[in-house]
C-alpha atoms as a PDB file:
ATOM      1  CA  MET A   1      10.885  33.129   3.430  1.00  0.00           C
ATOM      2  CA  ASP A   2       9.836  30.239   5.426  1.00  0.00           C
ATOM      3  CA  GLY A   3       6.090  28.419   4.372  1.00  0.00           C
ATOM      4  CA  ASN A   4       4.471  29.257   7.340  1.00  0.00           C
ATOM      5  CA  ALA A   5       4.158  32.942   6.092  1.00  0.00           C
ATOM      6  CA  GLU A   6       1.059  32.457   3.897  1.00  0.00           C
ATOM      7  CA  GLY A   7      -0.858  32.550   6.850  1.00  0.00           C
ATOM      8  CA  PRO A   8      -3.666  30.448   8.439  1.00  0.00           C
ATOM      9  CA  ASN A   9      -6.008  30.176   5.702  1.00  0.00           C
ATOM     10  CA  ALA A  10      -3.727  28.661   2.998  1.00  0.00           C
ATOM     11  CA  LEU A  11      -2.894  26.008   5.952  1.00  0.00           C
ATOM     12  CA  ILE A  12      -6.369  25.301   6.286  1.00  0.00           C
ATOM     13  CA  ARG A  13      -6.651  25.029   2.558  1.00  0.00           C
ATOM     14  CA  LYS A  14      -3.430  22.434   2.203  1.00  0.00           C
ATOM     15  CA  VAL A  15      -4.437  20.642   5.228  1.00  0.00           C
ATOM     16  CA  GLN A  16      -8.268  19.794   3.352  1.00  0.00           C
ATOM     17  CA  GLU A  17      -6.457  19.062   0.004  1.00  0.00           C
ATOM     18  CA  LEU A  18      -4.648  16.299   1.778  1.00  0.00           C
ATOM     19  CA  GLN A  19      -7.623  15.254   3.730  1.00  0.00           C
ATOM     20  CA  ASP A  20      -9.435  15.144   0.456  1.00  0.00           C
ATOM     21  CA  GLY A  21      -6.457  13.048  -1.333  1.00  0.00           C
ATOM     22  CA  MET A  22      -6.462  10.928   1.620  1.00  0.00           C
ATOM     23  CA  LEU A  23      -9.773  10.071   1.778  1.00  0.00           C
ATOM     24  CA  LYS A  24      -9.713   9.809  -2.595  1.00  0.00           C
ATOM     25  CA  LEU A  25      -6.753   7.364  -1.799  1.00  0.00           C
ATOM     26  CA  LEU A  26      -8.338   5.161   0.761  1.00  0.00           C
ATOM     27  CA  GLU A  27     -11.705   4.774  -1.348  1.00  0.00           C
ATOM     28  CA  GLU A  28      -9.668   3.860  -4.970  1.00  0.00           C
ATOM     29  CA  SER A  29      -7.152   1.194  -2.938  1.00  0.00           C
ATOM     30  CA  GLY A  30      -9.946  -1.653  -2.775  1.00  0.00           C
ATOM     31  CA  GLY A  31     -10.343  -1.875  -6.317  1.00  0.00           C
ATOM     32  CA  LYS A  32      -6.509  -1.614  -6.912  1.00  0.00           C
ATOM     33  CA  THR A  33      -4.785  -5.289  -6.477  1.00  0.00           C
ATOM     34  CA  VAL A  34      -1.001  -6.691  -6.516  1.00  0.00           C
ATOM     35  CA  THR A  35      -0.172 -10.115  -7.220  1.00  0.00           C
ATOM     36  CA  ALA A  36       3.028 -11.979  -5.599  1.00  0.00           C
ATOM     37  CA  SER A  37       4.276 -15.529  -5.965  1.00  0.00           C
ATOM     38  CA  SER A  38       6.631 -18.499  -4.605  1.00  0.00           C
ATOM     39  CA  GLY A  39       8.024 -21.183  -5.537  1.00  0.00           C
ATOM     40  CA  GLY A  40       8.383 -20.798  -8.925  1.00  0.00           C
ATOM     41  CA  GLY A  41       5.025 -19.130  -9.182  1.00  0.00           C
ATOM     42  CA  MET A  42       3.341 -22.334  -8.411  1.00  0.00           C
ATOM     43  CA  VAL A  43       1.166 -20.379  -5.536  1.00  0.00           C
ATOM     44  CA  LYS A  44      -0.133 -16.740  -6.404  1.00  0.00           C
ATOM     45  CA  ALA A  45      -1.388 -14.282  -3.958  1.00  0.00           C
ATOM     46  CA  THR A  46      -3.518 -10.899  -4.622  1.00  0.00           C
ATOM     47  CA  ALA A  47      -4.144  -8.319  -2.608  1.00  0.00           C
ATOM     48  CA  ASN A  48      -5.445  -4.756  -2.701  1.00  0.00           C
ATOM     49  CA  LEU A  49      -4.026  -1.864  -1.409  1.00  0.00           C
ATOM     50  CA  LYS A  50      -6.293  -1.723   1.542  1.00  0.00           C
ATOM     51  CA  MET A  51      -4.299  -4.715   2.734  1.00  0.00           C
ATOM     52  CA  GLN A  52      -7.234  -7.697   2.445  1.00  0.00           C
ATOM     53  CA  LEU A  53      -6.223 -11.042   0.693  1.00  0.00           C
ATOM     54  CA  VAL A  54      -8.356 -10.857  -2.605  1.00  0.00           C
ATOM     55  CA  SER A  55      -7.552 -14.521  -3.653  1.00  0.00           C
ATOM     56  CA  VAL A  56      -4.623 -17.242  -3.721  1.00  0.00           C
ATOM     57  CA  GLU A  57      -4.553 -19.738  -6.770  1.00  0.00           C
ATOM     58  CA  MET A  58      -2.112 -22.914  -6.566  1.00  0.00           C
ATOM     59  CA  GLU A  59      -1.002 -25.457  -9.081  1.00  0.00           C
ATOM     60  CA  ARG A  60      -2.602 -28.921  -8.624  1.00  0.00           C
ATOM     61  CA  GLU A  61       1.291 -30.169  -8.217  1.00  0.00           C
ATOM     62  CA  VAL A  62       1.785 -28.234  -5.327  1.00  0.00           C
ATOM     63  CA  VAL A  63      -1.177 -29.857  -3.532  1.00  0.00           C
ATOM     64  CA  ASN A  64       0.209 -32.744  -2.070  1.00  0.00           C
ATOM     65  CA  PRO A  65      -1.793 -34.136   1.110  1.00  0.00           C
ATOM     66  CA  ASP A  66       1.241 -35.789   2.752  1.00  0.00           C
ATOM     67  CA  ASP A  67       3.127 -32.170   2.628  1.00  0.00           C
ATOM     68  CA  THR A  68       0.199 -29.825   4.129  1.00  0.00           C
ATOM     69  CA  GLU A  69       3.138 -28.141   5.771  1.00  0.00           C
ATOM     70  CA  MET A  70       5.274 -26.712   2.414  1.00  0.00           C
ATOM     71  CA  LEU A  71       1.961 -25.527   0.712  1.00  0.00           C
ATOM     72  CA  GLY A  72       1.474 -22.884   4.297  1.00  0.00           C
ATOM     73  CA  ASP A  73       4.861 -21.995   3.932  1.00  0.00           C
ATOM     74  CA  LEU A  74       4.124 -21.144   0.183  1.00  0.00           C
ATOM     75  CA  ILE A  75       0.944 -19.568   0.677  1.00  0.00           C
ATOM     76  CA  VAL A  76       2.424 -17.620   3.261  1.00  0.00           C
ATOM     77  CA  ALA A  77       5.263 -16.569   1.462  1.00  0.00           C
ATOM     78  CA  ALA A  78       3.064 -15.513  -1.260  1.00  0.00           C
ATOM     79  CA  VAL A  79       0.215 -13.440   0.719  1.00  0.00           C
ATOM     80  CA  ASN A  80       3.261 -11.428   3.073  1.00  0.00           C
ATOM     81  CA  GLU A  81       4.875 -10.697  -0.452  1.00  0.00           C
ATOM     82  CA  ALA A  82       1.643  -9.556  -1.794  1.00  0.00           C
ATOM     83  CA  LEU A  83       0.976  -7.736   1.460  1.00  0.00           C
ATOM     84  CA  ALA A  84       4.216  -5.953   1.226  1.00  0.00           C
ATOM     85  CA  ILE A  85       4.399  -4.653  -2.123  1.00  0.00           C
ATOM     86  CA  ALA A  86       0.607  -3.239  -1.567  1.00  0.00           C
ATOM     87  CA  GLN A  87       2.044  -1.647   1.104  1.00  0.00           C
ATOM     88  CA  ALA A  88       4.816  -0.100  -0.744  1.00  0.00           C
ATOM     89  CA  ASP A  89       2.677   1.030  -3.479  1.00  0.00           C
ATOM     90  CA  VAL A  90       0.028   2.799  -0.444  1.00  0.00           C
ATOM     91  CA  ASN A  91       3.257   4.485   0.758  1.00  0.00           C
ATOM     92  CA  GLN A  92       3.953   5.731  -2.598  1.00  0.00           C
ATOM     93  CA  GLU A  93       0.658   7.229  -3.068  1.00  0.00           C
ATOM     94  CA  VAL A  94       0.706   8.691   0.308  1.00  0.00           C
ATOM     95  CA  ALA A  95       4.549  10.520  -0.460  1.00  0.00           C
ATOM     96  CA  LYS A  96       2.861  11.350  -3.782  1.00  0.00           C
ATOM     97  CA  LEU A  97      -0.305  13.445  -2.140  1.00  0.00           C
ATOM     98  CA  SER A  98       2.270  14.897   0.666  1.00  0.00           C
ATOM     99  CA  ALA A  99       4.965  16.144  -1.879  1.00  0.00           C
ATOM    100  CA  LYS A 100       1.997  17.364  -3.814  1.00  0.00           C
ATOM    101  CA  VAL A 101       0.291  19.372  -1.252  1.00  0.00           C
ATOM    102  CA  ARG A 102       3.723  20.566   0.920  1.00  0.00           C
ATOM    103  CA  LEU A 103       2.588  21.795   4.787  1.00  0.00           C
ATOM    104  CA  PRO A 104       4.793  24.388   5.572  1.00  0.00           C
ATOM    105  CA  GLY A 105       7.468  22.895   8.596  1.00  0.00           C
ATOM    106  CA  PRO A 106       8.557  24.120  11.559  1.00  0.00           C
ATOM    107  CA  PRO A 107      10.508  27.291  10.968  1.00  0.00           C
ATOM    108  CA  ASP A 108      14.396  26.877  10.222  1.00  0.00           C
ATOM    109  CA  GLN A 109      16.631  26.621  13.365  1.00  0.00           C
ATOM    110  CA  GLY A 110      19.348  28.737  11.385  1.00  0.00           C
END
């Protein structure tokens, strides 16, 4: 028996549940943060799950006025890693939500 046998009301309830879950995830995502580092921990970037940079911290030793290019590279690396981790966390939360709600797919073509 395929998932479409539940009828339109069940489908509407599942879509509403998925929508409610996504809205809750969006609301909560600004408060959850992830941190990544580069340069052996000399530069740290923190981002929230809304893909916003929250903070950048760096050790004094890495700030060299004669080599600002290296500092820029370390900042970019830390920020990109933090955003990648945040995106992976969001993807994981969406997958959990989708698995929980399980919308019916097209009927099997067998």
